[in-house]
Amino acid sequence: MNLLFDTNILISLVRDYSLNLFQQINPNNNKMFISIVTVGELRSIALQNNWGVNKLALLEALLEEILIIEITETLIDTYAQIDAYAQHRNPAFSNYPFKTARNMGKNDLWIAATAALLGLQLVTTDSDFDHLHEAFFDVQRIKPSDLK
């Protein structure tokens, strides 16, 4: 299955760009994608943390290797479905694997919509997408400690 990386995966790759880390994240050499939202988040993080020339160059090199998915009108309905589902208010679902609403950041909603619409497995280090696992797409969660 092809992969969509959450922003935290790219941050880990910029910190330690090595073949071992890439093989750990993508052992089957699947196609790799990110949302344009991730690019915005990465550039903001780089700016806020005053990344140096070398780290910025590495980021740009990584972005050249990964396919970037733009936000288009085709994502809007999927975004709405996921947002309503996370709030326990999607009429297409009667059973939810979680008891209370899950407030998601708007950037995470766009990333989730991209994974769902394109049938990609979302790779992340956090639990922000766990409630969407199997309902919209597969989530592969990697422990942050494994990426060091």
C-alpha atoms as a PDB file:
ATOM      1  CA  MET A   1       0.000   0.000   0.000  1.00  0.00           C
ATOM      2  CA  ASN A   2       1.275   3.470  -0.842  1.00  0.00           C
ATOM      3  CA  LEU A   3       2.061   5.810   2.033  1.00  0.00           C
ATOM      4  CA  LEU A   4       1.105   9.319   3.092  1.00  0.00           C
ATOM      5  CA  PHE A   5       3.477  10.790   5.661  1.00  0.00           C
ATOM      6  CA  ASP A   6       2.310  12.986   8.489  1.00  0.00           C
ATOM      7  CA  THR A   7       4.423  16.072   9.155  1.00  0.00           C
ATOM      8  CA  ASN A   8       6.181  14.480  12.127  1.00  0.00           C
ATOM      9  CA  ILE A   9       7.660  11.785   9.880  1.00  0.00           C
ATOM     10  CA  LEU A  10       9.312  14.388   7.657  1.00  0.00           C
ATOM     11  CA  ILE A  11      10.659  16.205  10.700  1.00  0.00           C
ATOM     12  CA  SER A  12      12.244  12.928  11.832  1.00  0.00           C
ATOM     13  CA  LEU A  13      13.748  12.414   8.383  1.00  0.00           C
ATOM     14  CA  VAL A  14      15.245  15.916   8.362  1.00  0.00           C
ATOM     15  CA  ARG A  15      16.772  15.278  11.792  1.00  0.00           C
ATOM     16  CA  ASP A  16      18.322  11.983  10.723  1.00  0.00           C
ATOM     17  CA  TYR A  17      18.330  11.495   6.984  1.00  0.00           C
ATOM     18  CA  SER A  18      19.711   8.007   6.628  1.00  0.00           C
ATOM     19  CA  LEU A  19      18.979   4.992   4.517  1.00  0.00           C
ATOM     20  CA  ASN A  20      18.169   2.966   7.648  1.00  0.00           C
ATOM     21  CA  LEU A  21      15.506   5.416   8.723  1.00  0.00           C
ATOM     22  CA  PHE A  22      13.941   5.466   5.255  1.00  0.00           C
ATOM     23  CA  GLN A  23      13.933   1.655   5.159  1.00  0.00           C
ATOM     24  CA  GLN A  24      12.349   1.540   8.605  1.00  0.00           C
ATOM     25  CA  ILE A  25       9.555   3.898   7.584  1.00  0.00           C
ATOM     26  CA  ASN A  26       9.071   2.400   4.126  1.00  0.00           C
ATOM     27  CA  PRO A  27      10.435  -1.175   4.183  1.00  0.00           C
ATOM     28  CA  ASN A  28       8.494  -2.230   1.073  1.00  0.00           C
ATOM     29  CA  ASN A  29       9.653   0.742  -0.994  1.00  0.00           C
ATOM     30  CA  ASN A  30       6.081   1.917  -1.620  1.00  0.00           C
ATOM     31  CA  LYS A  31       5.257   5.195  -3.298  1.00  0.00           C
ATOM     32  CA  MET A  32       5.486   8.051  -0.808  1.00  0.00           C
ATOM     33  CA  PHE A  33       3.169  11.049  -0.670  1.00  0.00           C
ATOM     34  CA  ILE A  34       2.597  14.100   1.514  1.00  0.00           C
ATOM     35  CA  SER A  35      -0.108  16.730   1.540  1.00  0.00           C
ATOM     36  CA  ILE A  36       0.724  20.283   0.532  1.00  0.00           C
ATOM     37  CA  VAL A  37      -0.438  21.089   4.080  1.00  0.00           C
ATOM     38  CA  THR A  38       2.599  19.192   5.370  1.00  0.00           C
ATOM     39  CA  VAL A  39       4.859  21.360   3.223  1.00  0.00           C
ATOM     40  CA  GLY A  40       3.333  24.468   4.803  1.00  0.00           C
ATOM     41  CA  GLU A  41       3.738  23.055   8.300  1.00  0.00           C
ATOM     42  CA  LEU A  42       7.362  22.094   7.608  1.00  0.00           C
ATOM     43  CA  ARG A  43       8.274  25.497   6.224  1.00  0.00           C
ATOM     44  CA  SER A  44       6.626  27.194   9.206  1.00  0.00           C
ATOM     45  CA  ILE A  45       8.521  24.957  11.649  1.00  0.00           C
ATOM     46  CA  ALA A  46      11.776  25.655   9.787  1.00  0.00           C
ATOM     47  CA  LEU A  47      11.148  29.399   9.942  1.00  0.00           C
ATOM     48  CA  GLN A  48      10.127  29.418  13.604  1.00  0.00           C
ATOM     49  CA  ASN A  49      13.146  27.335  14.610  1.00  0.00           C
ATOM     50  CA  ASN A  50      15.610  29.186  12.385  1.00  0.00           C
ATOM     51  CA  TRP A  51      16.788  26.083  10.560  1.00  0.00           C
ATOM     52  CA  GLY A  52      20.212  26.531   9.013  1.00  0.00           C
ATOM     53  CA  VAL A  53      21.150  26.255   5.347  1.00  0.00           C
ATOM     54  CA  ASN A  54      22.075  22.563   5.573  1.00  0.00           C
ATOM     55  CA  LYS A  55      18.843  21.532   7.264  1.00  0.00           C
ATOM     56  CA  LEU A  56      16.773  23.575   4.782  1.00  0.00           C
ATOM     57  CA  ALA A  57      18.635  21.993   1.872  1.00  0.00           C
ATOM     58  CA  LEU A  58      17.923  18.542   3.278  1.00  0.00           C
ATOM     59  CA  LEU A  59      14.247  19.419   3.637  1.00  0.00           C
ATOM     60  CA  GLU A  60      14.079  20.563   0.022  1.00  0.00           C
ATOM     61  CA  ALA A  61      15.889  17.396  -1.121  1.00  0.00           C
ATOM     62  CA  LEU A  62      13.336  15.270   0.756  1.00  0.00           C
ATOM     63  CA  LEU A  63      10.458  17.190  -0.785  1.00  0.00           C
ATOM     64  CA  GLU A  64      11.889  16.419  -4.229  1.00  0.00           C
ATOM     65  CA  GLU A  65      11.719  12.676  -3.460  1.00  0.00           C
ATOM     66  CA  ILE A  66       8.121  12.597  -2.242  1.00  0.00           C
ATOM     67  CA  LEU A  67       5.011  13.271  -4.304  1.00  0.00           C
ATOM     68  CA  ILE A  68       3.095  16.297  -3.019  1.00  0.00           C
ATOM     69  CA  ILE A  69      -0.704  16.223  -3.198  1.00  0.00           C
ATOM     70  CA  GLU A  70      -2.423  19.586  -3.625  1.00  0.00           C
ATOM     71  CA  ILE A  71      -5.702  20.517  -1.974  1.00  0.00           C
ATOM     72  CA  THR A  72      -8.381  20.475  -4.638  1.00  0.00           C
ATOM     73  CA  GLU A  73     -12.143  20.554  -4.713  1.00  0.00           C
ATOM     74  CA  THR A  74     -12.201  16.741  -4.866  1.00  0.00           C
ATOM     75  CA  LEU A  75     -10.955  16.613  -1.250  1.00  0.00           C
ATOM     76  CA  ILE A  76     -13.730  18.768   0.186  1.00  0.00           C
ATOM     77  CA  ASP A  77     -16.391  16.073   0.582  1.00  0.00           C
ATOM     78  CA  THR A  78     -13.916  13.668   2.192  1.00  0.00           C
ATOM     79  CA  TYR A  79     -12.758  16.437   4.556  1.00  0.00           C
ATOM     80  CA  ALA A  80     -16.400  17.058   5.543  1.00  0.00           C
ATOM     81  CA  GLN A  81     -17.080  13.329   6.082  1.00  0.00           C
ATOM     82  CA  ILE A  82     -14.040  12.929   8.326  1.00  0.00           C
ATOM     83  CA  ASP A  83     -14.742  16.110  10.290  1.00  0.00           C
ATOM     84  CA  ALA A  84     -18.358  15.064  10.926  1.00  0.00           C
ATOM     85  CA  TYR A  85     -17.226  11.542  11.870  1.00  0.00           C
ATOM     86  CA  ALA A  86     -14.664  12.899  14.349  1.00  0.00           C
ATOM     87  CA  GLN A  87     -17.438  14.936  15.969  1.00  0.00           C
ATOM     88  CA  HIS A  88     -19.776  11.899  16.233  1.00  0.00           C
ATOM     89  CA  ARG A  89     -22.155  13.615  13.832  1.00  0.00           C
ATOM     90  CA  ASN A  90     -21.729  11.829  10.511  1.00  0.00           C
ATOM     91  CA  PRO A  91     -25.114  10.339   9.524  1.00  0.00           C
ATOM     92  CA  ALA A  92     -23.355   7.654   7.460  1.00  0.00           C
ATOM     93  CA  PHE A  93     -22.089   6.037  10.691  1.00  0.00           C
ATOM     94  CA  SER A  94     -24.112   4.574  13.535  1.00  0.00           C
ATOM     95  CA  ASN A  95     -21.282   2.953  15.491  1.00  0.00           C
ATOM     96  CA  TYR A  96     -18.159   4.754  16.533  1.00  0.00           C
ATOM     97  CA  PRO A  97     -15.096   3.052  18.044  1.00  0.00           C
ATOM     98  CA  PHE A  98     -14.590   6.066  20.329  1.00  0.00           C
ATOM     99  CA  LYS A  99     -16.930   7.452  22.975  1.00  0.00           C
ATOM    100  CA  THR A 100     -16.443  11.197  22.723  1.00  0.00           C
ATOM    101  CA  ALA A 101     -15.836  13.589  19.853  1.00  0.00           C
ATOM    102  CA  ARG A 102     -12.264  13.930  18.617  1.00  0.00           C
ATOM    103  CA  ASN A 103     -11.326  17.516  17.891  1.00  0.00           C
ATOM    104  CA  MET A 104      -8.853  17.494  15.032  1.00  0.00           C
ATOM    105  CA  GLY A 105      -6.695  20.337  13.856  1.00  0.00           C
ATOM    106  CA  LYS A 106      -7.680  21.636  10.442  1.00  0.00           C
ATOM    107  CA  ASN A 107      -4.308  20.671   8.968  1.00  0.00           C
ATOM    108  CA  ASP A 108      -4.749  17.105  10.238  1.00  0.00           C
ATOM    109  CA  LEU A 109      -8.202  17.013   8.639  1.00  0.00           C
ATOM    110  CA  TRP A 110      -6.709  17.900   5.235  1.00  0.00           C
ATOM    111  CA  ILE A 111      -3.991  15.276   5.687  1.00  0.00           C
ATOM    112  CA  ALA A 112      -6.605  12.679   6.687  1.00  0.00           C
ATOM    113  CA  ALA A 113      -8.839  13.582   3.740  1.00  0.00           C
ATOM    114  CA  THR A 114      -5.894  13.119   1.391  1.00  0.00           C
ATOM    115  CA  ALA A 115      -5.132   9.645   2.794  1.00  0.00           C
ATOM    116  CA  ALA A 116      -8.795   8.615   2.667  1.00  0.00           C
ATOM    117  CA  LEU A 117      -9.549   9.872  -0.821  1.00  0.00           C
ATOM    118  CA  LEU A 118      -6.425   8.348  -2.368  1.00  0.00           C
ATOM    119  CA  GLY A 119      -6.514   5.088  -0.382  1.00  0.00           C
ATOM    120  CA  LEU A 120      -3.133   5.698   1.230  1.00  0.00           C
ATOM    121  CA  GLN A 121      -1.821   4.349   4.514  1.00  0.00           C
ATOM    122  CA  LEU A 122      -1.086   7.244   6.860  1.00  0.00           C
ATOM    123  CA  VAL A 123       2.286   6.990   8.605  1.00  0.00           C
ATOM    124  CA  THR A 124       2.616   9.051  11.787  1.00  0.00           C
ATOM    125  CA  THR A 125       4.251   9.114  15.197  1.00  0.00           C
ATOM    126  CA  ASP A 126       1.226  10.393  17.107  1.00  0.00           C
ATOM    127  CA  SER A 127      -2.279   9.214  17.962  1.00  0.00           C
ATOM    128  CA  ASP A 128      -4.137  12.077  16.258  1.00  0.00           C
ATOM    129  CA  PHE A 129      -5.475   9.805  13.514  1.00  0.00           C
ATOM    130  CA  ASP A 130      -6.103   6.587  15.472  1.00  0.00           C
ATOM    131  CA  HIS A 131      -9.881   7.076  15.586  1.00  0.00           C
ATOM    132  CA  LEU A 132      -9.938   7.110  11.766  1.00  0.00           C
ATOM    133  CA  HIS A 133      -8.081   3.800  11.417  1.00  0.00           C
ATOM    134  CA  GLU A 134     -10.075   1.357   9.309  1.00  0.00           C
ATOM    135  CA  ALA A 135     -13.060   3.711   9.096  1.00  0.00           C
ATOM    136  CA  PHE A 136     -11.342   5.820   6.418  1.00  0.00           C
ATOM    137  CA  PHE A 137      -7.781   4.512   5.934  1.00  0.00           C
ATOM    138  CA  ASP A 138      -5.080   2.463   7.613  1.00  0.00           C
ATOM    139  CA  VAL A 139      -2.848   4.172  10.148  1.00  0.00           C
ATOM    140  CA  GLN A 140       0.700   3.014  10.720  1.00  0.00           C
ATOM    141  CA  ARG A 141       1.949   4.496  13.952  1.00  0.00           C
ATOM    142  CA  ILE A 142       5.684   4.509  14.566  1.00  0.00           C
ATOM    143  CA  LYS A 143       7.072   5.191  18.028  1.00  0.00           C
ATOM    144  CA  PRO A 144       9.100   8.421  18.040  1.00  0.00           C
ATOM    145  CA  SER A 145      11.818   6.615  20.008  1.00  0.00           C
ATOM    146  CA  ASP A 146      12.209   4.177  17.094  1.00  0.00           C
ATOM    147  CA  LEU A 147      13.116   7.057  14.810  1.00  0.00           C
ATOM    148  CA  LYS A 148      16.219   8.083  16.747  1.00  0.00           C
END
